[in-house]
Amino acid sequence: MKLTPEQIQTNWDKLIQLIENTFDGERKEKLLKLYSDLKDRMMFAPASGQEHFHLCTPGGYVQHILNIVKYSLSFYKIWKDNGAYVDDYTVEELIFAALHHDLGKVGDLEQDHYIPNPSEWHRKNQGKIYTNNPDLKFMTPPDRGIWILNQYGVTMTKMNTLELN
C-alpha cells in the first residue's frame, strides 16, 4: 500500500487534531512540541521495514498509529458494551498508549530508526525495503519511545507505562 502525499498530509493533520482534542494543559503542549520537532521524520517514517509487514511505506508509521487508536477505541467500546470492566484506565490513557506504542520506531532525536536498505538484492528478493539504522544506540522500540517522551518531560501513569511495554 503506497500513500499519496495528500494522504500523508491528511494523516498527519488527523494525528495532530487527535492530540489537540484528547489532551489538555501542559501534557498537550509537551506532546505538540515533540510532534512538531519530529514532524518531518514522523510524517514519512514507515511502520515496518519489510514489505510483507504492516505499512512498509513512507507515511506508514502515522497511518499505523491512527489505525491502532481507531481499533483500540473500537475494542474499548465493544468490551464496555458487553459488560467488561474497563474502569481501571481512562480513554485518555488508552489513546496515549495507542499513540506511543511504536514511538521508538521513529528513531531517536536526531536519527531515523529505519533507513533505506542499501542492498538491492534484499529489497528485490526478500522485501527488506528498510533496515535498522546501525548508527542508533540499541534500544527496543518501546524503551526508545519512553526515552523520547522523557526527553520532552511527558509524564506517564503506571497504566500508560504498562501499555507501552
C-alpha atoms as a PDB file:
ATOM      1  CA  MET A   1       0.000   0.000   0.000  1.00  0.00           C
ATOM      2  CA  LYS A   2       1.523   3.269  -1.117  1.00  0.00           C
ATOM      3  CA  LEU A   3       0.283   6.506   0.421  1.00  0.00           C
ATOM      4  CA  THR A   4      -0.029   9.644  -1.690  1.00  0.00           C
ATOM      5  CA  PRO A   5       1.455  12.934  -0.483  1.00  0.00           C
ATOM      6  CA  GLU A   6      -2.114  14.107   0.160  1.00  0.00           C
ATOM      7  CA  GLN A   7      -2.865  11.035   2.306  1.00  0.00           C
ATOM      8  CA  ILE A   8       0.359  11.533   4.255  1.00  0.00           C
ATOM      9  CA  GLN A   9      -0.556  15.180   4.974  1.00  0.00           C
ATOM     10  CA  THR A  10      -4.166  14.308   5.855  1.00  0.00           C
ATOM     11  CA  ASN A  11      -2.990  11.589   8.240  1.00  0.00           C
ATOM     12  CA  TRP A  12      -0.588  13.998   9.916  1.00  0.00           C
ATOM     13  CA  ASP A  13      -3.353  16.571  10.323  1.00  0.00           C
ATOM     14  CA  LYS A  14      -5.613  13.895  11.867  1.00  0.00           C
ATOM     15  CA  LEU A  15      -2.864  12.866  14.278  1.00  0.00           C
ATOM     16  CA  ILE A  16      -2.273  16.428  15.464  1.00  0.00           C
ATOM     17  CA  GLN A  17      -6.024  17.013  15.779  1.00  0.00           C
ATOM     18  CA  LEU A  18      -6.295  13.861  17.885  1.00  0.00           C
ATOM     19  CA  ILE A  19      -3.656  15.224  20.268  1.00  0.00           C
ATOM     20  CA  GLU A  20      -5.403  18.621  20.353  1.00  0.00           C
ATOM     21  CA  ASN A  21      -8.764  17.003  21.144  1.00  0.00           C
ATOM     22  CA  THR A  22      -7.578  14.373  23.639  1.00  0.00           C
ATOM     23  CA  PHE A  23      -5.081  16.082  25.896  1.00  0.00           C
ATOM     24  CA  ASP A  24      -5.003  19.397  27.695  1.00  0.00           C
ATOM     25  CA  GLY A  25      -2.716  21.673  29.608  1.00  0.00           C
ATOM     26  CA  GLU A  26       0.985  21.062  29.959  1.00  0.00           C
ATOM     27  CA  ARG A  27       0.799  17.476  28.647  1.00  0.00           C
ATOM     28  CA  LYS A  28      -0.793  18.637  25.395  1.00  0.00           C
ATOM     29  CA  GLU A  29       1.787  21.394  24.959  1.00  0.00           C
ATOM     30  CA  LYS A  30       4.693  18.979  25.530  1.00  0.00           C
ATOM     31  CA  LEU A  31       3.236  16.428  23.110  1.00  0.00           C
ATOM     32  CA  LEU A  32       2.657  19.100  20.463  1.00  0.00           C
ATOM     33  CA  LYS A  33       6.275  20.253  20.881  1.00  0.00           C
ATOM     34  CA  LEU A  34       7.541  16.666  20.496  1.00  0.00           C
ATOM     35  CA  TYR A  35       5.417  16.097  17.406  1.00  0.00           C
ATOM     36  CA  SER A  36       6.414  19.470  15.938  1.00  0.00           C
ATOM     37  CA  ASP A  37      10.120  18.750  16.453  1.00  0.00           C
ATOM     38  CA  LEU A  38       9.859  15.274  14.895  1.00  0.00           C
ATOM     39  CA  LYS A  39       7.235  16.179  12.280  1.00  0.00           C
ATOM     40  CA  ASP A  40       9.233  15.600   9.100  1.00  0.00           C
ATOM     41  CA  ARG A  41      10.634  12.296  10.295  1.00  0.00           C
ATOM     42  CA  MET A  42       7.366  11.040  11.765  1.00  0.00           C
ATOM     43  CA  MET A  43       5.284  12.013   8.755  1.00  0.00           C
ATOM     44  CA  PHE A  44       7.405   9.990   6.354  1.00  0.00           C
ATOM     45  CA  ALA A  45       8.531   7.112   8.577  1.00  0.00           C
ATOM     46  CA  PRO A  46       7.453   3.605   7.599  1.00  0.00           C
ATOM     47  CA  ALA A  47       5.719   1.438  10.201  1.00  0.00           C
ATOM     48  CA  SER A  48       7.932  -1.545   9.395  1.00  0.00           C
ATOM     49  CA  GLY A  49      10.991  -2.457   7.369  1.00  0.00           C
ATOM     50  CA  GLN A  50       9.667  -5.373   5.300  1.00  0.00           C
ATOM     51  CA  GLU A  51       7.053  -5.121   2.593  1.00  0.00           C
ATOM     52  CA  HIS A  52       5.120  -8.148   3.862  1.00  0.00           C
ATOM     53  CA  PHE A  53       4.718  -6.467   7.272  1.00  0.00           C
ATOM     54  CA  HIS A  54       2.319  -3.621   8.008  1.00  0.00           C
ATOM     55  CA  LEU A  55       2.652  -0.314   6.191  1.00  0.00           C
ATOM     56  CA  CYS A  56       6.237  -0.567   4.963  1.00  0.00           C
ATOM     57  CA  THR A  57       5.924   2.667   3.048  1.00  0.00           C
ATOM     58  CA  PRO A  58       6.651   6.363   3.555  1.00  0.00           C
ATOM     59  CA  GLY A  59       3.909   7.677   5.838  1.00  0.00           C
ATOM     60  CA  GLY A  60       3.155   4.187   7.115  1.00  0.00           C
ATOM     61  CA  TYR A  61       4.046   4.992  10.722  1.00  0.00           C
ATOM     62  CA  VAL A  62       1.346   7.663  11.125  1.00  0.00           C
ATOM     63  CA  GLN A  63      -1.227   5.539   9.274  1.00  0.00           C
ATOM     64  CA  HIS A  64      -0.411   2.640  11.615  1.00  0.00           C
ATOM     65  CA  ILE A  65      -0.767   4.827  14.711  1.00  0.00           C
ATOM     66  CA  LEU A  66      -4.137   6.148  13.531  1.00  0.00           C
ATOM     67  CA  ASN A  67      -5.277   2.571  12.864  1.00  0.00           C
ATOM     68  CA  ILE A  68      -4.216   1.431  16.348  1.00  0.00           C
ATOM     69  CA  VAL A  69      -6.041   4.331  18.018  1.00  0.00           C
ATOM     70  CA  LYS A  70      -9.181   3.592  15.980  1.00  0.00           C
ATOM     71  CA  TYR A  71      -9.135  -0.134  16.753  1.00  0.00           C
ATOM     72  CA  SER A  72      -8.269   0.409  20.428  1.00  0.00           C
ATOM     73  CA  LEU A  73     -11.290   2.677  20.834  1.00  0.00           C
ATOM     74  CA  SER A  74     -13.469   0.172  18.966  1.00  0.00           C
ATOM     75  CA  PHE A  75     -12.376  -2.680  21.235  1.00  0.00           C
ATOM     76  CA  TYR A  76     -12.877  -0.490  24.296  1.00  0.00           C
ATOM     77  CA  LYS A  77     -16.466   0.208  23.233  1.00  0.00           C
ATOM     78  CA  ILE A  78     -17.170  -3.458  22.479  1.00  0.00           C
ATOM     79  CA  TRP A  79     -15.757  -4.550  25.831  1.00  0.00           C
ATOM     80  CA  LYS A  80     -17.650  -1.842  27.736  1.00  0.00           C
ATOM     81  CA  ASP A  81     -20.919  -2.521  25.878  1.00  0.00           C
ATOM     82  CA  ASN A  82     -20.614  -6.203  26.772  1.00  0.00           C
ATOM     83  CA  GLY A  83     -20.023  -5.676  30.462  1.00  0.00           C
ATOM     84  CA  ALA A  84     -16.246  -5.926  30.670  1.00  0.00           C
ATOM     85  CA  TYR A  85     -14.596  -3.985  33.464  1.00  0.00           C
ATOM     86  CA  VAL A  86     -12.792  -1.096  31.815  1.00  0.00           C
ATOM     87  CA  ASP A  87     -12.824   1.436  34.618  1.00  0.00           C
ATOM     88  CA  ASP A  88      -9.205   0.904  35.671  1.00  0.00           C
ATOM     89  CA  TYR A  89      -7.966   3.195  32.889  1.00  0.00           C
ATOM     90  CA  THR A  90      -9.291   6.262  31.120  1.00  0.00           C
ATOM     91  CA  VAL A  91      -9.949   6.769  27.431  1.00  0.00           C
ATOM     92  CA  GLU A  92      -7.158   9.373  27.501  1.00  0.00           C
ATOM     93  CA  GLU A  93      -4.736   6.746  28.842  1.00  0.00           C
ATOM     94  CA  LEU A  94      -5.875   4.308  26.159  1.00  0.00           C
ATOM     95  CA  ILE A  95      -5.275   6.864  23.412  1.00  0.00           C
ATOM     96  CA  PHE A  96      -1.913   7.852  24.915  1.00  0.00           C
ATOM     97  CA  ALA A  97      -0.742   4.222  24.911  1.00  0.00           C
ATOM     98  CA  ALA A  98      -2.013   3.639  21.373  1.00  0.00           C
ATOM     99  CA  LEU A  99      -0.335   6.826  20.110  1.00  0.00           C
ATOM    100  CA  HIS A 100       3.028   5.962  21.597  1.00  0.00           C
ATOM    101  CA  HIS A 101       3.288   2.166  21.484  1.00  0.00           C
ATOM    102  CA  ASP A 102       5.651   2.355  18.479  1.00  0.00           C
ATOM    103  CA  LEU A 103       7.169   5.811  19.035  1.00  0.00           C
ATOM    104  CA  GLY A 104      10.646   4.273  19.232  1.00  0.00           C
ATOM    105  CA  LYS A 105      10.320   3.226  15.583  1.00  0.00           C
ATOM    106  CA  VAL A 106      10.753   6.884  14.651  1.00  0.00           C
ATOM    107  CA  GLY A 107      14.349   6.735  15.898  1.00  0.00           C
ATOM    108  CA  ASP A 108      15.991   8.992  18.433  1.00  0.00           C
ATOM    109  CA  LEU A 109      16.032  12.792  18.477  1.00  0.00           C
ATOM    110  CA  GLU A 110      18.451  13.016  15.528  1.00  0.00           C
ATOM    111  CA  GLN A 111      18.313   9.811  13.504  1.00  0.00           C
ATOM    112  CA  ASP A 112      15.700   7.599  11.891  1.00  0.00           C
ATOM    113  CA  HIS A 113      15.149   4.046  13.127  1.00  0.00           C
ATOM    114  CA  TYR A 114      14.505   2.727   9.611  1.00  0.00           C
ATOM    115  CA  ILE A 115      16.781   3.714   6.749  1.00  0.00           C
ATOM    116  CA  PRO A 116      16.536   2.610   3.108  1.00  0.00           C
ATOM    117  CA  ASN A 117      18.117  -0.789   2.628  1.00  0.00           C
ATOM    118  CA  PRO A 118      21.269  -0.304   0.521  1.00  0.00           C
ATOM    119  CA  SER A 119      21.065  -3.878  -0.769  1.00  0.00           C
ATOM    120  CA  GLU A 120      19.057  -4.109  -3.970  1.00  0.00           C
ATOM    121  CA  TRP A 121      19.139  -7.892  -3.694  1.00  0.00           C
ATOM    122  CA  HIS A 122      17.481  -7.812  -0.228  1.00  0.00           C
ATOM    123  CA  ARG A 123      14.889  -5.288  -1.387  1.00  0.00           C
ATOM    124  CA  LYS A 124      14.049  -7.272  -4.524  1.00  0.00           C
ATOM    125  CA  ASN A 125      14.302 -10.861  -3.262  1.00  0.00           C
ATOM    126  CA  GLN A 126      13.321 -10.569   0.399  1.00  0.00           C
ATOM    127  CA  GLY A 127      11.209  -7.426   0.503  1.00  0.00           C
ATOM    128  CA  LYS A 128      13.504  -5.810   3.062  1.00  0.00           C
ATOM    129  CA  ILE A 129      12.842  -2.245   1.940  1.00  0.00           C
ATOM    130  CA  TYR A 130      14.271  -0.656   5.075  1.00  0.00           C
ATOM    131  CA  THR A 131      16.890  -1.735   7.584  1.00  0.00           C
ATOM    132  CA  ASN A 132      17.503  -0.706  11.172  1.00  0.00           C
ATOM    133  CA  ASN A 133      19.870   2.237  11.414  1.00  0.00           C
ATOM    134  CA  PRO A 134      23.209   0.839  12.656  1.00  0.00           C
ATOM    135  CA  ASP A 135      24.205   4.289  13.966  1.00  0.00           C
ATOM    136  CA  LEU A 136      21.456   4.296  16.613  1.00  0.00           C
ATOM    137  CA  LYS A 137      22.315   3.189  20.126  1.00  0.00           C
ATOM    138  CA  PHE A 138      20.442  -0.073  20.663  1.00  0.00           C
ATOM    139  CA  MET A 139      17.117   0.160  22.465  1.00  0.00           C
ATOM    140  CA  THR A 140      13.914  -1.733  21.872  1.00  0.00           C
ATOM    141  CA  PRO A 141      11.261   0.477  20.244  1.00  0.00           C
ATOM    142  CA  PRO A 142       9.151   0.618  23.458  1.00  0.00           C
ATOM    143  CA  ASP A 143      12.197   1.632  25.505  1.00  0.00           C
ATOM    144  CA  ARG A 144      13.196   4.274  22.969  1.00  0.00           C
ATOM    145  CA  GLY A 145       9.623   5.583  22.921  1.00  0.00           C
ATOM    146  CA  ILE A 146       9.638   6.031  26.688  1.00  0.00           C
ATOM    147  CA  TRP A 147      13.063   7.686  26.420  1.00  0.00           C
ATOM    148  CA  ILE A 148      11.761  10.161  23.794  1.00  0.00           C
ATOM    149  CA  LEU A 149       8.716  11.026  25.909  1.00  0.00           C
ATOM    150  CA  ASN A 150      11.059  11.557  28.857  1.00  0.00           C
ATOM    151  CA  GLN A 151      13.223  13.965  26.821  1.00  0.00           C
ATOM    152  CA  TYR A 152      10.143  16.171  26.409  1.00  0.00           C
ATOM    153  CA  GLY A 153       9.043  15.861  30.029  1.00  0.00           C
ATOM    154  CA  VAL A 154       5.908  13.917  29.115  1.00  0.00           C
ATOM    155  CA  THR A 155       4.905  12.002  32.212  1.00  0.00           C
ATOM    156  CA  MET A 156       3.022   8.729  32.202  1.00  0.00           C
ATOM    157  CA  THR A 157       0.750   6.966  34.606  1.00  0.00           C
ATOM    158  CA  LYS A 158       1.524   3.421  35.642  1.00  0.00           C
ATOM    159  CA  MET A 159      -1.151   2.248  33.191  1.00  0.00           C
ATOM    160  CA  ASN A 160       0.488   4.162  30.311  1.00  0.00           C
ATOM    161  CA  THR A 161       3.848   2.576  31.096  1.00  0.00           C
ATOM    162  CA  LEU A 162       2.379  -0.907  31.305  1.00  0.00           C
ATOM    163  CA  GLU A 163       0.622  -0.465  27.975  1.00  0.00           C
ATOM    164  CA  LEU A 164       3.835   0.634  26.263  1.00  0.00           C
ATOM    165  CA  ASN A 165       5.751  -2.490  27.336  1.00  0.00           C
END
